[in-house]
Amino acid sequence: MQEKGQRMNAILEPGMMVRHPDRAEWGLGQVQSNIGGRITVNFEHAGKVVIDGRQIELVPIFGA
């Protein structure tokens, strides 16, 4: 069974905007891909980062 964070990350699609819950200094990020729980995000101040969606629940930003 998937946990809540994994279910939330499962909705993330390329082009969606997100924030990292523990790295506010990275700024806003745009999802590049979401394959098998590995989410690649291009953050304003951290560049391209691959996130393990099983460990980190990204925060979707709607209307950004």
N, C-alpha and C. Protein backbone atom coordinates (compact mmCIF):
# COMPACT_ATOMS: atom_id res chain seq x y z
N MET A 1 0.83 -1.19 0.00
CA MET A 1 0.00 0.00 0.00
C MET A 1 0.88 1.25 0.00
N GLN A 2 0.51 2.26 -0.81
CA GLN A 2 1.27 3.49 -0.86
C GLN A 2 0.93 4.36 0.34
N GLU A 3 1.96 5.06 0.84
CA GLU A 3 1.72 6.02 1.91
C GLU A 3 1.27 7.33 1.31
N LYS A 4 0.76 8.24 2.16
CA LYS A 4 0.21 9.51 1.70
C LYS A 4 1.19 10.28 0.82
N GLY A 5 2.44 10.41 1.24
CA GLY A 5 3.43 11.17 0.47
C GLY A 5 3.65 10.58 -0.91
N GLN A 6 3.67 9.26 -0.99
CA GLN A 6 3.86 8.61 -2.28
C GLN A 6 2.66 8.85 -3.18
N ARG A 7 1.46 8.85 -2.61
CA ARG A 7 0.26 9.12 -3.42
C ARG A 7 0.28 10.56 -3.92
N MET A 8 0.68 11.50 -3.06
CA MET A 8 0.72 12.91 -3.46
C MET A 8 1.77 13.10 -4.55
N ASN A 9 2.94 12.52 -4.39
CA ASN A 9 3.99 12.65 -5.40
C ASN A 9 3.58 12.00 -6.72
N ALA A 10 2.72 10.99 -6.66
CA ALA A 10 2.29 10.29 -7.87
C ALA A 10 1.52 11.21 -8.82
N ILE A 11 0.92 12.28 -8.30
CA ILE A 11 0.16 13.19 -9.17
C ILE A 11 1.06 14.18 -9.90
N LEU A 12 2.33 14.28 -9.48
CA LEU A 12 3.22 15.27 -10.08
C LEU A 12 3.57 14.90 -11.51
N GLU A 13 3.41 15.86 -12.41
CA GLU A 13 3.67 15.66 -13.83
C GLU A 13 4.64 16.73 -14.31
N PRO A 14 5.35 16.47 -15.40
CA PRO A 14 6.23 17.49 -15.96
C PRO A 14 5.51 18.82 -16.18
N GLY A 15 6.17 19.88 -15.78
CA GLY A 15 5.62 21.22 -15.91
C GLY A 15 5.00 21.75 -14.63
N MET A 16 4.63 20.85 -13.71
CA MET A 16 4.04 21.29 -12.44
C MET A 16 5.10 21.97 -11.59
N MET A 17 4.66 22.94 -10.79
CA MET A 17 5.55 23.67 -9.90
C MET A 17 5.44 23.08 -8.49
N VAL A 18 6.60 23.00 -7.81
CA VAL A 18 6.66 22.41 -6.47
C VAL A 18 7.66 23.16 -5.60
N ARG A 19 7.59 22.88 -4.32
CA ARG A 19 8.61 23.33 -3.36
C ARG A 19 9.06 22.10 -2.58
N HIS A 20 10.32 22.13 -2.15
CA HIS A 20 10.85 21.07 -1.28
C HIS A 20 10.49 21.46 0.15
N PRO A 21 9.91 20.57 0.93
CA PRO A 21 9.44 20.94 2.27
C PRO A 21 10.55 21.32 3.24
N ASP A 22 11.78 20.86 3.01
CA ASP A 22 12.89 21.13 3.93
C ASP A 22 13.95 22.05 3.36
N ARG A 23 13.77 22.52 2.14
CA ARG A 23 14.79 23.33 1.47
C ARG A 23 14.17 24.57 0.84
N ALA A 24 13.60 25.43 1.66
CA ALA A 24 12.95 26.64 1.16
C ALA A 24 13.92 27.49 0.34
N GLU A 25 15.21 27.44 0.68
CA GLU A 25 16.21 28.24 -0.02
C GLU A 25 16.39 27.81 -1.48
N TRP A 26 15.91 26.63 -1.84
CA TRP A 26 16.00 26.18 -3.23
C TRP A 26 15.01 26.92 -4.11
N GLY A 27 14.00 27.53 -3.52
CA GLY A 27 13.00 28.27 -4.28
C GLY A 27 12.01 27.36 -4.97
N LEU A 28 11.31 27.93 -5.92
CA LEU A 28 10.29 27.21 -6.67
C LEU A 28 10.96 26.26 -7.66
N GLY A 29 10.37 25.08 -7.83
CA GLY A 29 10.92 24.10 -8.76
C GLY A 29 9.89 23.65 -9.77
N GLN A 30 10.36 23.30 -10.96
CA GLN A 30 9.47 22.77 -12.00
C GLN A 30 9.81 21.31 -12.21
N VAL A 31 8.79 20.45 -12.12
CA VAL A 31 8.97 19.01 -12.33
C VAL A 31 9.38 18.77 -13.78
N GLN A 32 10.46 18.01 -13.97
CA GLN A 32 10.93 17.64 -15.28
C GLN A 32 10.45 16.25 -15.66
N SER A 33 10.46 15.33 -14.67
CA SER A 33 9.99 13.97 -14.89
C SER A 33 9.63 13.33 -13.55
N ASN A 34 8.82 12.27 -13.63
CA ASN A 34 8.42 11.51 -12.46
C ASN A 34 8.29 10.07 -12.90
N ILE A 35 9.36 9.31 -12.72
CA ILE A 35 9.43 7.93 -13.20
C ILE A 35 9.79 7.00 -12.05
N GLY A 36 8.89 6.10 -11.73
CA GLY A 36 9.16 5.11 -10.70
C GLY A 36 9.49 5.70 -9.35
N GLY A 37 8.89 6.84 -9.02
CA GLY A 37 9.14 7.45 -7.71
C GLY A 37 10.36 8.35 -7.67
N ARG A 38 11.10 8.42 -8.76
CA ARG A 38 12.25 9.33 -8.86
C ARG A 38 11.77 10.57 -9.61
N ILE A 39 11.77 11.70 -8.91
CA ILE A 39 11.22 12.93 -9.44
C ILE A 39 12.37 13.90 -9.70
N THR A 40 12.53 14.29 -10.96
CA THR A 40 13.56 15.26 -11.32
C THR A 40 12.90 16.63 -11.36
N VAL A 41 13.51 17.56 -10.59
CA VAL A 41 12.95 18.90 -10.46
C VAL A 41 14.06 19.91 -10.74
N ASN A 42 13.73 20.96 -11.50
CA ASN A 42 14.67 22.05 -11.74
C ASN A 42 14.28 23.20 -10.82
N PHE A 43 15.07 23.40 -9.74
CA PHE A 43 14.79 24.44 -8.76
C PHE A 43 15.50 25.74 -9.13
N GLU A 44 14.87 26.88 -8.77
CA GLU A 44 15.41 28.21 -9.07
C GLU A 44 16.84 28.39 -8.59
N HIS A 45 17.12 27.96 -7.36
CA HIS A 45 18.41 28.26 -6.75
C HIS A 45 19.26 27.03 -6.45
N ALA A 46 18.82 25.87 -6.91
CA ALA A 46 19.59 24.64 -6.67
C ALA A 46 19.83 23.87 -7.96
N GLY A 47 19.20 24.29 -9.04
CA GLY A 47 19.35 23.59 -10.31
C GLY A 47 18.57 22.29 -10.32
N LYS A 48 19.03 21.37 -11.16
CA LYS A 48 18.32 20.10 -11.35
C LYS A 48 18.67 19.14 -10.21
N VAL A 49 17.62 18.63 -9.55
CA VAL A 49 17.78 17.73 -8.42
C VAL A 49 16.85 16.53 -8.62
N VAL A 50 17.36 15.33 -8.34
CA VAL A 50 16.53 14.12 -8.39
C VAL A 50 16.10 13.79 -6.96
N ILE A 51 14.80 13.71 -6.76
CA ILE A 51 14.20 13.48 -5.45
C ILE A 51 13.67 12.06 -5.39
N ASP A 52 13.94 11.36 -4.28
CA ASP A 52 13.35 10.05 -4.04
C ASP A 52 11.96 10.28 -3.44
N GLY A 53 10.93 10.10 -4.23
CA GLY A 53 9.56 10.35 -3.81
C GLY A 53 9.08 9.46 -2.68
N ARG A 54 9.83 8.39 -2.37
CA ARG A 54 9.47 7.55 -1.23
C ARG A 54 9.94 8.17 0.07
N GLN A 55 10.89 9.11 -0.01
CA GLN A 55 11.47 9.73 1.18
C GLN A 55 10.99 11.17 1.41
N ILE A 56 10.75 11.89 0.33
CA ILE A 56 10.39 13.31 0.42
C ILE A 56 9.05 13.55 -0.27
N GLU A 57 8.15 14.21 0.41
CA GLU A 57 6.87 14.60 -0.18
C GLU A 57 6.96 16.05 -0.63
N LEU A 58 7.08 16.25 -1.94
CA LEU A 58 7.15 17.59 -2.48
C LEU A 58 5.80 18.28 -2.34
N VAL A 59 5.83 19.61 -2.25
CA VAL A 59 4.61 20.39 -2.05
C VAL A 59 4.22 21.02 -3.39
N PRO A 60 3.10 20.57 -3.99
CA PRO A 60 2.68 21.17 -5.24
C PRO A 60 2.20 22.60 -5.04
N ILE A 61 2.53 23.46 -6.01
CA ILE A 61 2.12 24.86 -5.98
C ILE A 61 1.19 25.08 -7.16
N PHE A 62 -0.06 25.35 -6.87
CA PHE A 62 -1.05 25.55 -7.93
C PHE A 62 -1.23 27.03 -8.17
N GLY A 63 -1.34 27.42 -9.44
CA GLY A 63 -1.55 28.81 -9.80
C GLY A 63 -0.30 29.65 -9.75
N ALA A 64 0.87 29.00 -9.80
CA ALA A 64 2.14 29.75 -9.75
C ALA A 64 2.48 30.30 -11.11
